[in-house]
Amino acid sequence: MHKKISIIVACFLAFACKSKSKDTAKQNTAPQITSVDVIIASPQSISNTVEVNGTVVANEFVELRPEVSGRLVYLNVPEGNHVEKGTVIARINDADLLAQLNKTRVQLELAQKTEERYKKLLDIKGINQADYDAALNTANGYKADLMYTQALIDKTVIKAPFSGIVGLRQVSNGAYVSSATVIATIQQVEKLKIDFTAPEAYSNILKKGSLIDVILDNNDSNKTKATIIAVEPQANTGTRNLKVRAVLQHSKANPGGFVKVYINAGENKKSILVPTNALIPNDKNNQAIIVKNGKANFVNVNTGVRQANFVEITDGIKTGDSVVVTGVLFARPKGSVKVRSVKELKNLAQ
């Protein structure tokens, strides 16, 4: 009797274990459902103002370098002060050049006298034309040497090419300098320029004479107006951006400083916005995930204006579509998804 009961219990346990293993296998093979949060796509009012970074540039900037090598015998670098155009900044020792100049003058004087005598002899047929031409050529050669030596002497004097503020002195009087030596810098800061790059898509509004807003200091929210004076005609082949230059009047900014540039790309408009982290970038285009009939549908999208946390969708998403905003990385194409909640776009700002 006890043996029969033991056999019955053993059979029951074997059947229970087999049923449990089948249930576990079913659970393991069941498709995983990803929980996601979505927003309902709807037109939102956005400001069509483009924000880019820029750099302050001096109206004129020059590194003062000598054109010839030699020892400095005069140095006048009023650091941080204004100098007028033509002010002598430095002189290089030109004693050897002056000696050569005087020597050439003496030779020229003798050659000119010889040429005058030969001219009189030529008039009375005392010499042939070839002798006179040789004397004239010698005189002209000394004239050319005189001009060449004088040009070298002029190069020993470094002058301010324009009126501006002189920077810090880089050498001392008596130093040996060459064309690679920077004596000082000079900048014209009464009128400053702003250099910045902007997407090629805005080339229609980046025109000469257009006004832009500039914030010179991150700690100051006051905007200053600047006027576009030139646009580089060729876009950068790597970034597809255009380089733009604008003039900033009566500003106290320092050349080389960082600025924020705001470009008005037109009146405010209504467009579909999605959070930036809802987009999936790849080599060719951007994608977003739309939930339809409980499935994740990956769609290609075109983007427009970008803001701090959101991006405009110009194509690929329609009003009323359920766009996945959380769980993007876990969703799979045509995979099952469960909508956990519907978010409001304004509450997704980071």
Protein backbone atom coordinates (compact mmCIF):
# COMPACT_ATOMS: atom_id res chain seq x y z
CA MET A 1 0.00 0.00 0.00
CA HIS A 2 2.77 2.43 0.92
CA LYS A 3 4.61 1.51 -2.26
CA LYS A 4 1.60 2.43 -4.43
CA ILE A 5 1.20 5.78 -2.70
CA SER A 6 4.91 6.57 -3.29
CA ILE A 7 4.57 5.83 -7.01
CA ILE A 8 1.51 8.07 -7.31
CA VAL A 9 3.26 10.97 -5.51
CA ALA A 10 6.35 10.60 -7.71
CA CYS A 11 4.23 10.72 -10.88
CA PHE A 12 2.42 13.82 -9.66
CA LEU A 13 5.68 15.64 -8.88
CA ALA A 14 7.15 14.74 -12.29
CA PHE A 15 4.04 16.06 -14.03
CA ALA A 16 4.14 19.30 -11.99
CA CYS A 17 7.83 19.90 -12.78
CA LYS A 18 7.23 19.29 -16.48
CA SER A 19 4.32 21.76 -16.53
CA LYS A 20 6.41 24.38 -14.73
CA SER A 21 9.30 23.99 -17.19
CA LYS A 22 6.87 24.46 -20.10
CA ASP A 23 5.49 27.64 -18.51
CA THR A 24 9.01 28.97 -17.98
CA ALA A 25 9.91 28.26 -21.60
CA LYS A 26 6.81 30.10 -22.76
CA GLN A 27 7.76 33.09 -20.63
CA ASN A 28 11.29 33.12 -22.00
CA THR A 29 10.11 32.99 -25.61
CA ALA A 30 7.41 35.64 -25.13
CA PRO A 31 8.26 38.96 -26.88
CA GLN A 32 9.60 41.72 -24.62
CA ILE A 33 7.46 44.84 -24.44
CA THR A 34 9.35 48.14 -24.02
CA SER A 35 7.75 50.82 -21.87
CA VAL A 36 8.02 54.31 -23.35
CA ASP A 37 6.78 57.85 -22.78
CA VAL A 38 5.42 59.82 -25.73
CA ILE A 39 4.31 63.27 -26.72
CA ILE A 40 1.51 64.06 -29.13
CA ALA A 41 2.98 66.08 -32.01
CA SER A 42 1.32 69.46 -32.36
CA PRO A 43 2.34 72.83 -33.84
CA GLN A 44 4.28 74.97 -31.37
CA SER A 45 5.17 78.64 -31.63
CA ILE A 46 8.94 79.04 -32.02
CA SER A 47 11.20 82.04 -32.33
CA ASN A 48 13.03 82.02 -35.66
CA THR A 49 16.20 83.51 -34.18
CA VAL A 50 19.49 81.74 -34.85
CA GLU A 51 22.17 81.86 -32.14
CA VAL A 52 25.82 81.36 -33.13
CA ASN A 53 29.21 82.06 -31.58
CA GLY A 54 31.50 84.84 -32.74
CA THR A 55 34.86 86.45 -32.06
CA VAL A 56 35.78 90.11 -31.65
CA VAL A 57 38.38 91.25 -34.19
CA ALA A 58 40.29 94.54 -34.29
CA ASN A 59 39.50 96.80 -37.24
CA GLU A 60 43.21 96.71 -38.13
CA PHE A 61 45.94 94.51 -36.65
CA VAL A 62 49.63 94.28 -37.52
CA GLU A 63 52.70 92.61 -36.06
CA LEU A 64 55.55 95.09 -36.39
CA ARG A 65 58.53 93.24 -37.88
CA PRO A 66 61.72 94.59 -39.51
CA GLU A 67 62.25 93.96 -43.20
CA VAL A 68 66.05 93.65 -42.82
CA SER A 69 68.28 92.06 -40.21
CA GLY A 70 70.49 94.07 -37.87
CA ARG A 71 70.98 95.54 -34.42
CA LEU A 72 68.35 97.85 -32.94
CA VAL A 73 69.77 101.32 -32.27
CA TYR A 74 66.45 103.04 -31.49
CA LEU A 75 63.28 101.69 -29.92
CA ASN A 76 60.08 103.63 -29.25
CA VAL A 77 57.27 101.32 -28.11
CA PRO A 78 54.81 103.21 -25.86
CA GLU A 79 53.11 100.08 -24.53
CA GLY A 80 49.34 100.37 -24.34
CA ASN A 81 49.32 103.92 -25.72
CA HIS A 82 48.01 105.44 -28.91
CA VAL A 83 50.41 106.35 -31.72
CA GLU A 84 49.76 108.19 -34.96
CA LYS A 85 50.35 106.78 -38.41
CA GLY A 86 53.99 107.23 -39.47
CA THR A 87 55.42 107.35 -35.95
CA VAL A 88 58.93 105.82 -35.88
CA ILE A 89 58.80 102.72 -33.71
CA ALA A 90 62.34 101.38 -34.20
CA ARG A 91 65.54 101.86 -36.19
CA ILE A 92 68.14 99.27 -37.20
CA ASN A 93 71.85 100.07 -37.50
CA ASP A 94 72.38 101.38 -41.04
CA ALA A 95 76.01 102.62 -40.82
CA ASP A 96 77.22 100.15 -43.47
CA LEU A 97 74.41 101.11 -45.80
CA LEU A 98 75.11 104.83 -45.38
CA ALA A 99 78.79 104.20 -46.18
CA GLN A 100 77.77 102.28 -49.30
CA LEU A 101 75.43 105.12 -50.24
CA ASN A 102 78.20 107.71 -49.98
CA LYS A 103 80.56 105.51 -52.00
CA THR A 104 77.98 105.12 -54.74
CA ARG A 105 77.40 108.88 -54.82
CA VAL A 106 81.11 109.51 -55.42
CA GLN A 107 81.20 106.90 -58.17
CA LEU A 108 78.07 108.37 -59.72
CA GLU A 109 79.52 111.85 -59.69
CA LEU A 110 82.66 110.65 -61.52
CA ALA A 111 80.61 108.64 -64.02
CA GLN A 112 78.39 111.64 -64.77
CA LYS A 113 81.43 113.84 -65.46
CA THR A 114 82.84 111.18 -67.76
CA GLU A 115 79.54 110.94 -69.57
CA GLU A 116 79.43 114.74 -70.03
CA ARG A 117 82.96 114.77 -71.50
CA TYR A 118 82.14 111.90 -73.84
CA LYS A 119 78.99 113.72 -74.94
CA LYS A 120 81.04 116.73 -76.03
CA LEU A 121 83.55 114.50 -77.84
CA LEU A 122 80.73 112.63 -79.54
CA ASP A 123 79.27 115.89 -80.83
CA ILE A 124 82.57 116.69 -82.61
CA LYS A 125 83.10 113.07 -83.70
CA GLY A 126 85.99 112.66 -81.24
CA ILE A 127 84.75 109.21 -80.05
CA ASN A 128 82.46 106.61 -81.43
CA GLN A 129 78.90 106.02 -80.21
CA ALA A 130 79.80 102.78 -78.41
CA ASP A 131 82.23 104.53 -76.05
CA TYR A 132 79.63 107.14 -75.15
CA ASP A 133 76.93 104.48 -74.59
CA ALA A 134 79.23 102.60 -72.22
CA ALA A 135 79.89 105.76 -70.18
CA LEU A 136 76.17 106.56 -70.06
CA ASN A 137 75.35 102.99 -68.99
CA THR A 138 77.92 103.19 -66.17
CA ALA A 139 76.34 106.39 -64.87
CA ASN A 140 72.85 104.90 -65.01
CA GLY A 141 74.09 101.80 -63.18
CA TYR A 142 75.38 103.90 -60.29
CA LYS A 143 72.03 105.71 -60.17
CA ALA A 144 70.26 102.36 -59.81
CA ASP A 145 72.73 101.30 -57.07
CA LEU A 146 72.02 104.57 -55.29
CA MET A 147 68.26 103.96 -55.35
CA TYR A 148 68.70 100.35 -54.22
CA THR A 149 70.89 101.31 -51.24
CA GLN A 150 68.46 104.07 -50.28
CA ALA A 151 65.61 101.53 -50.33
CA LEU A 152 67.57 99.29 -47.94
CA ILE A 153 68.14 102.25 -45.63
CA ASP A 154 64.41 103.03 -45.67
CA LYS A 155 63.72 99.44 -44.59
CA THR A 156 65.82 99.93 -41.45
CA VAL A 157 63.13 102.30 -40.12
CA ILE A 158 59.96 100.67 -38.72
CA LYS A 159 56.98 103.03 -38.67
CA ALA A 160 53.38 102.69 -37.51
CA PRO A 161 51.36 101.76 -40.62
CA PHE A 162 48.19 103.29 -39.15
CA SER A 163 47.01 105.07 -36.02
CA GLY A 164 46.28 102.67 -33.19
CA ILE A 165 47.15 101.20 -29.79
CA VAL A 166 50.61 99.68 -29.43
CA GLY A 167 50.84 96.36 -27.61
CA LEU A 168 53.58 95.00 -25.36
CA ARG A 169 57.22 95.36 -26.36
CA GLN A 170 58.81 92.03 -27.30
CA VAL A 171 62.49 93.07 -27.67
CA SER A 172 64.99 95.42 -26.04
CA ASN A 173 67.10 98.15 -27.56
CA GLY A 174 70.39 96.75 -28.83
CA ALA A 175 68.97 93.33 -29.70
CA TYR A 176 69.75 91.71 -33.03
CA VAL A 177 66.54 91.27 -35.00
CA SER A 178 65.47 89.71 -38.28
CA SER A 179 62.30 89.56 -40.36
CA ALA A 180 61.04 86.79 -38.04
CA THR A 181 61.28 89.01 -34.94
CA VAL A 182 58.09 90.63 -33.64
CA ILE A 183 58.91 94.00 -32.09
CA ALA A 184 55.34 94.76 -30.97
CA THR A 185 51.77 94.75 -32.23
CA ILE A 186 49.52 97.64 -33.14
CA GLN A 187 45.73 97.48 -33.26
CA GLN A 188 42.99 99.85 -34.25
CA VAL A 189 40.19 99.36 -31.73
CA GLU A 190 38.04 102.45 -32.23
CA LYS A 191 35.93 100.33 -34.54
CA LEU A 192 35.67 96.58 -33.91
CA LYS A 193 34.62 93.70 -36.11
CA ILE A 194 32.73 90.50 -35.31
CA ASP A 195 33.64 87.30 -37.17
CA PHE A 196 31.18 84.40 -36.96
CA THR A 197 29.97 81.41 -38.93
CA ALA A 198 26.36 80.59 -39.73
CA PRO A 199 24.62 77.70 -41.56
CA GLU A 200 24.49 78.05 -45.33
CA ALA A 201 20.68 77.77 -45.16
CA TYR A 202 20.55 81.36 -43.89
CA SER A 203 22.54 82.85 -46.77
CA ASN A 204 19.41 84.63 -48.00
CA ILE A 205 19.32 86.83 -44.87
CA LEU A 206 23.07 87.23 -44.35
CA LYS A 207 23.38 90.20 -46.66
CA LYS A 208 25.70 93.19 -46.62
CA GLY A 209 24.07 95.95 -44.59
CA SER A 210 21.84 93.62 -42.52
CA LEU A 211 21.70 94.17 -38.76
CA ILE A 212 22.41 91.50 -36.17
CA ASP A 213 22.24 91.46 -32.37
CA VAL A 214 25.39 90.80 -30.36
CA ILE A 215 25.92 90.07 -26.66
CA LEU A 216 29.51 90.93 -25.79
CA ASP A 217 29.66 89.52 -22.26
CA ASN A 218 28.07 86.34 -20.91
CA ASN A 219 27.30 88.20 -17.71
CA ASP A 220 25.48 90.96 -19.55
CA SER A 221 22.18 90.34 -21.31
CA ASN A 222 22.19 93.69 -23.13
CA LYS A 223 22.29 93.31 -26.90
CA THR A 224 24.29 95.55 -29.19
CA LYS A 225 23.65 96.11 -32.87
CA ALA A 226 26.25 95.25 -35.51
CA THR A 227 26.16 95.69 -39.29
CA ILE A 228 27.20 92.96 -41.69
CA ILE A 229 29.90 94.25 -44.05
CA ALA A 230 30.94 91.07 -45.88
CA VAL A 231 30.10 87.39 -46.34
CA GLU A 232 32.61 84.81 -47.53
CA PRO A 233 31.14 83.63 -50.88
CA GLN A 234 32.28 80.01 -50.45
CA ALA A 235 30.90 77.80 -47.71
CA ASN A 236 33.22 75.65 -45.62
CA THR A 237 33.31 72.22 -47.27
CA GLY A 238 33.50 70.47 -43.91
CA THR A 239 30.78 72.26 -41.95
CA ARG A 240 28.76 73.85 -44.80
CA ASN A 241 28.86 77.12 -42.88
CA LEU A 242 29.44 80.63 -44.18
CA LYS A 243 31.93 83.01 -42.60
CA VAL A 244 30.47 86.44 -41.93
CA ARG A 245 32.01 89.70 -40.76
CA ALA A 246 30.12 92.56 -39.11
CA VAL A 247 31.17 95.96 -37.76
CA LEU A 248 30.49 96.92 -34.15
CA GLN A 249 30.51 100.66 -33.50
CA HIS A 250 31.64 102.34 -30.25
CA SER A 251 32.27 99.20 -28.22
CA LYS A 252 34.69 98.56 -25.37
CA ALA A 253 35.19 94.86 -26.09
CA ASN A 254 38.67 93.38 -26.37
CA PRO A 255 39.81 91.87 -29.67
CA GLY A 256 39.79 88.09 -29.43
CA GLY A 257 36.86 88.10 -27.01
CA PHE A 258 33.92 85.68 -27.24
CA VAL A 259 30.47 86.95 -28.26
CA LYS A 260 27.00 85.57 -28.91
CA VAL A 261 25.44 86.53 -32.23
CA TYR A 262 21.68 86.43 -32.81
CA ILE A 263 20.35 86.39 -36.38
CA ASN A 264 16.71 87.20 -37.02
CA ALA A 265 15.66 84.59 -39.59
CA GLY A 266 12.10 85.90 -39.93
CA GLU A 267 8.87 86.19 -37.97
CA ASN A 268 7.90 83.60 -35.36
CA LYS A 269 6.16 80.56 -36.80
CA LYS A 270 4.38 77.41 -35.69
CA SER A 271 6.18 74.12 -36.19
CA ILE A 272 6.36 70.67 -34.68
CA LEU A 273 9.02 70.45 -31.99
CA VAL A 274 10.52 67.36 -30.37
CA PRO A 275 13.18 67.03 -27.66
CA THR A 276 16.70 66.69 -29.03
CA ASN A 277 17.16 63.36 -27.22
CA ALA A 278 14.17 61.93 -29.13
CA LEU A 279 16.20 61.92 -32.35
CA ILE A 280 18.42 59.04 -33.44
CA PRO A 281 21.29 60.28 -35.65
CA ASN A 282 22.93 58.05 -38.23
CA ASP A 283 25.27 58.46 -41.20
CA LYS A 284 22.62 59.67 -43.65
CA ASN A 285 19.80 61.33 -41.68
CA ASN A 286 17.99 61.63 -38.37
CA GLN A 287 15.27 59.27 -37.22
CA ALA A 288 12.44 59.43 -34.69
CA ILE A 289 10.17 56.72 -33.27
CA ILE A 290 6.39 56.92 -33.72
CA VAL A 291 4.05 54.54 -31.89
CA LYS A 292 1.34 53.03 -34.12
CA ASN A 293 -0.85 50.11 -33.10
CA GLY A 294 1.47 49.27 -30.22
CA LYS A 295 4.52 49.03 -32.49
CA ALA A 296 7.63 51.19 -32.74
CA ASN A 297 7.91 52.73 -36.21
CA PHE A 298 11.26 54.32 -37.09
CA VAL A 299 10.81 57.26 -39.49
CA ASN A 300 13.32 59.54 -41.21
CA VAL A 301 12.91 63.20 -40.31
CA ASN A 302 14.25 66.52 -41.57
CA THR A 303 15.17 69.15 -39.00
CA GLY A 304 15.11 72.94 -39.02
CA VAL A 305 15.69 75.47 -36.26
CA ARG A 306 17.48 74.10 -33.21
CA GLN A 307 16.91 75.43 -29.70
CA ALA A 308 18.57 74.60 -26.41
CA ASN A 309 16.45 71.48 -25.74
CA PHE A 310 14.21 71.10 -28.78
CA VAL A 311 14.53 70.83 -32.54
CA GLU A 312 12.07 71.73 -35.28
CA ILE A 313 10.82 68.88 -37.47
CA THR A 314 10.11 70.03 -41.01
CA ASP A 315 9.29 66.63 -42.50
CA GLY A 316 8.61 63.08 -41.29
CA ILE A 317 6.23 63.73 -38.36
CA LYS A 318 2.63 64.91 -38.67
CA THR A 319 0.31 66.54 -36.19
CA GLY A 320 -1.23 63.90 -33.91
CA ASP A 321 1.65 61.40 -34.16
CA SER A 322 2.78 59.78 -30.90
CA VAL A 323 6.53 60.47 -30.72
CA VAL A 324 8.65 58.46 -28.28
CA VAL A 325 10.65 60.72 -25.93
CA THR A 326 11.91 58.22 -23.32
CA GLY A 327 12.98 54.64 -23.92
CA VAL A 328 14.32 55.54 -27.36
CA LEU A 329 17.44 53.43 -26.94
CA PHE A 330 15.49 50.29 -25.98
CA ALA A 331 12.89 50.32 -28.75
CA ARG A 332 13.39 48.09 -31.78
CA PRO A 333 11.94 48.53 -35.29
CA LYS A 334 8.42 47.06 -35.37
CA GLY A 335 8.93 45.94 -31.78
CA SER A 336 6.08 45.98 -29.28
CA VAL A 337 5.93 49.01 -27.01
CA LYS A 338 3.73 50.03 -24.13
CA VAL A 339 2.90 53.70 -23.66
CA ARG A 340 3.57 54.42 -20.03
CA SER A 341 2.46 58.05 -20.10
CA VAL A 342 1.82 61.00 -22.41
CA LYS A 343 4.15 63.91 -21.63
CA GLU A 344 3.71 67.62 -22.22
CA LEU A 345 6.45 69.20 -24.34
CA LYS A 346 6.86 72.16 -22.00
CA ASN A 347 7.61 69.82 -19.09
CA LEU A 348 10.48 68.12 -20.93
CA ALA A 349 12.84 71.11 -20.88
CA GLN A 350 16.04 70.10 -19.16
